[in-house]
Amino acid sequence: MSDRINTRIDTSLKKKAVKVFDRLGLTEAEAIRLFYAQVELQQGIPFPLMIPNAHTLEAFEEAKHPQKLSSFKNFRALRSRTGT
């Protein structure tokens, strides 16, 4: 017995994933079955899921405005600024 799963997925993401599946010699259905098998085997999502902390969220916001980020002429200047 088997069940059917219907879901919506972003077209661009699907196309990119299918390219990877093709290189691996997998169909989309096989890739989904592999994912489910790994969830069952590992008793969880088979890759780390993390909620970013405040420091990481702040870095994400800074990265949205690269013109405001510090730049350095060389590695020595960076080390001097960061005290390392």
C-alpha atoms as a PDB file:
ATOM      1  CA  MET A   1       0.000   0.000   0.000  1.00  0.00           C
ATOM      2  CA  SER A   2       1.200   3.524  -0.717  1.00  0.00           C
ATOM      3  CA  ASP A   3      -0.109   7.031  -0.162  1.00  0.00           C
ATOM      4  CA  ARG A   4      -0.073   9.973  -2.548  1.00  0.00           C
ATOM      5  CA  ILE A   5       1.381  13.334  -1.527  1.00  0.00           C
ATOM      6  CA  ASN A   6       0.370  16.543  -3.315  1.00  0.00           C
ATOM      7  CA  THR A   7       2.248  19.743  -2.549  1.00  0.00           C
ATOM      8  CA  ARG A   8       3.185  23.061  -4.093  1.00  0.00           C
ATOM      9  CA  ILE A   9       6.807  24.100  -4.505  1.00  0.00           C
ATOM     10  CA  ASP A  10       8.486  27.144  -6.001  1.00  0.00           C
ATOM     11  CA  THR A  11       9.119  26.528  -9.720  1.00  0.00           C
ATOM     12  CA  SER A  12      12.707  27.751  -9.625  1.00  0.00           C
ATOM     13  CA  LEU A  13      13.571  25.616  -6.604  1.00  0.00           C
ATOM     14  CA  LYS A  14      11.993  22.563  -8.225  1.00  0.00           C
ATOM     15  CA  LYS A  15      13.970  23.020 -11.458  1.00  0.00           C
ATOM     16  CA  LYS A  16      17.237  23.397  -9.551  1.00  0.00           C
ATOM     17  CA  ALA A  17      16.526  20.351  -7.389  1.00  0.00           C
ATOM     18  CA  VAL A  18      15.564  18.236 -10.417  1.00  0.00           C
ATOM     19  CA  LYS A  19      18.956  19.052 -11.994  1.00  0.00           C
ATOM     20  CA  VAL A  20      20.642  17.652  -8.883  1.00  0.00           C
ATOM     21  CA  PHE A  21      18.373  14.591  -8.862  1.00  0.00           C
ATOM     22  CA  ASP A  22      19.195  13.993 -12.546  1.00  0.00           C
ATOM     23  CA  ARG A  23      22.933  14.095 -11.814  1.00  0.00           C
ATOM     24  CA  LEU A  24      22.357  11.569  -9.024  1.00  0.00           C
ATOM     25  CA  GLY A  25      20.230   9.370 -11.270  1.00  0.00           C
ATOM     26  CA  LEU A  26      17.119   9.880  -9.135  1.00  0.00           C
ATOM     27  CA  THR A  27      13.554  10.686 -10.033  1.00  0.00           C
ATOM     28  CA  GLU A  28      11.700  13.255  -7.957  1.00  0.00           C
ATOM     29  CA  ALA A  29       9.624  10.466  -6.411  1.00  0.00           C
ATOM     30  CA  GLU A  30      12.767   8.521  -5.462  1.00  0.00           C
ATOM     31  CA  ALA A  31      14.312  11.611  -3.887  1.00  0.00           C
ATOM     32  CA  ILE A  32      11.177  12.208  -1.820  1.00  0.00           C
ATOM     33  CA  ARG A  33      11.098   8.548  -0.749  1.00  0.00           C
ATOM     34  CA  LEU A  34      14.774   8.815   0.271  1.00  0.00           C
ATOM     35  CA  PHE A  35      13.983  11.892   2.354  1.00  0.00           C
ATOM     36  CA  TYR A  36      11.145  10.076   4.130  1.00  0.00           C
ATOM     37  CA  ALA A  37      13.342   7.005   4.693  1.00  0.00           C
ATOM     38  CA  GLN A  38      16.035   9.176   6.285  1.00  0.00           C
ATOM     39  CA  VAL A  39      13.487  10.915   8.514  1.00  0.00           C
ATOM     40  CA  GLU A  40      12.318   7.516   9.747  1.00  0.00           C
ATOM     41  CA  LEU A  41      15.863   6.139  10.125  1.00  0.00           C
ATOM     42  CA  GLN A  42      17.174   9.170  12.020  1.00  0.00           C
ATOM     43  CA  GLN A  43      13.899   9.865  13.822  1.00  0.00           C
ATOM     44  CA  GLY A  44      14.109  13.494  12.764  1.00  0.00           C
ATOM     45  CA  ILE A  45      14.887  15.839   9.901  1.00  0.00           C
ATOM     46  CA  PRO A  46      18.104  14.524   8.275  1.00  0.00           C
ATOM     47  CA  PHE A  47      19.869  17.883   8.391  1.00  0.00           C
ATOM     48  CA  PRO A  48      20.260  20.511  11.111  1.00  0.00           C
ATOM     49  CA  LEU A  49      17.416  22.978  11.580  1.00  0.00           C
ATOM     50  CA  MET A  50      18.366  26.032  13.582  1.00  0.00           C
ATOM     51  CA  ILE A  51      16.695  29.265  14.554  1.00  0.00           C
ATOM     52  CA  PRO A  52      19.235  32.071  14.127  1.00  0.00           C
ATOM     53  CA  ASN A  53      20.241  33.882  17.301  1.00  0.00           C
ATOM     54  CA  ALA A  54      20.158  37.676  17.657  1.00  0.00           C
ATOM     55  CA  HIS A  55      23.806  38.052  16.587  1.00  0.00           C
ATOM     56  CA  THR A  56      23.190  36.074  13.383  1.00  0.00           C
ATOM     57  CA  LEU A  57      20.010  38.020  12.592  1.00  0.00           C
ATOM     58  CA  GLU A  58      21.960  41.264  13.040  1.00  0.00           C
ATOM     59  CA  ALA A  59      24.599  40.000  10.594  1.00  0.00           C
ATOM     60  CA  PHE A  60      21.850  39.153   8.078  1.00  0.00           C
ATOM     61  CA  GLU A  61      20.538  42.714   8.330  1.00  0.00           C
ATOM     62  CA  GLU A  62      24.038  44.175   7.912  1.00  0.00           C
ATOM     63  CA  ALA A  63      24.584  42.059   4.805  1.00  0.00           C
ATOM     64  CA  LYS A  64      21.519  43.634   3.180  1.00  0.00           C
ATOM     65  CA  HIS A  65      23.483  46.915   3.033  1.00  0.00           C
ATOM     66  CA  PRO A  66      26.982  45.993   1.808  1.00  0.00           C
ATOM     67  CA  GLN A  67      27.879  49.633   1.245  1.00  0.00           C
ATOM     68  CA  LYS A  68      27.808  50.091   5.039  1.00  0.00           C
ATOM     69  CA  LEU A  69      30.113  47.145   5.761  1.00  0.00           C
ATOM     70  CA  SER A  70      33.725  47.716   6.781  1.00  0.00           C
ATOM     71  CA  SER A  71      36.442  46.922   4.285  1.00  0.00           C
ATOM     72  CA  PHE A  72      40.165  46.506   4.801  1.00  0.00           C
ATOM     73  CA  LYS A  73      43.162  47.023   2.535  1.00  0.00           C
ATOM     74  CA  ASN A  74      44.809  43.833   3.753  1.00  0.00           C
ATOM     75  CA  PHE A  75      44.637  41.038   6.291  1.00  0.00           C
ATOM     76  CA  ARG A  76      46.932  42.865   8.717  1.00  0.00           C
ATOM     77  CA  ALA A  77      44.505  45.814   8.851  1.00  0.00           C
ATOM     78  CA  LEU A  78      41.611  43.449   9.528  1.00  0.00           C
ATOM     79  CA  ARG A  79      43.512  41.728  12.343  1.00  0.00           C
ATOM     80  CA  SER A  80      44.457  45.078  13.822  1.00  0.00           C
ATOM     81  CA  ARG A  81      40.825  46.228  13.802  1.00  0.00           C
ATOM     82  CA  THR A  82      39.481  43.015  15.317  1.00  0.00           C
ATOM     83  CA  GLY A  83      42.299  42.594  17.828  1.00  0.00           C
ATOM     84  CA  THR A  84      43.265  39.128  16.661  1.00  0.00           C
END
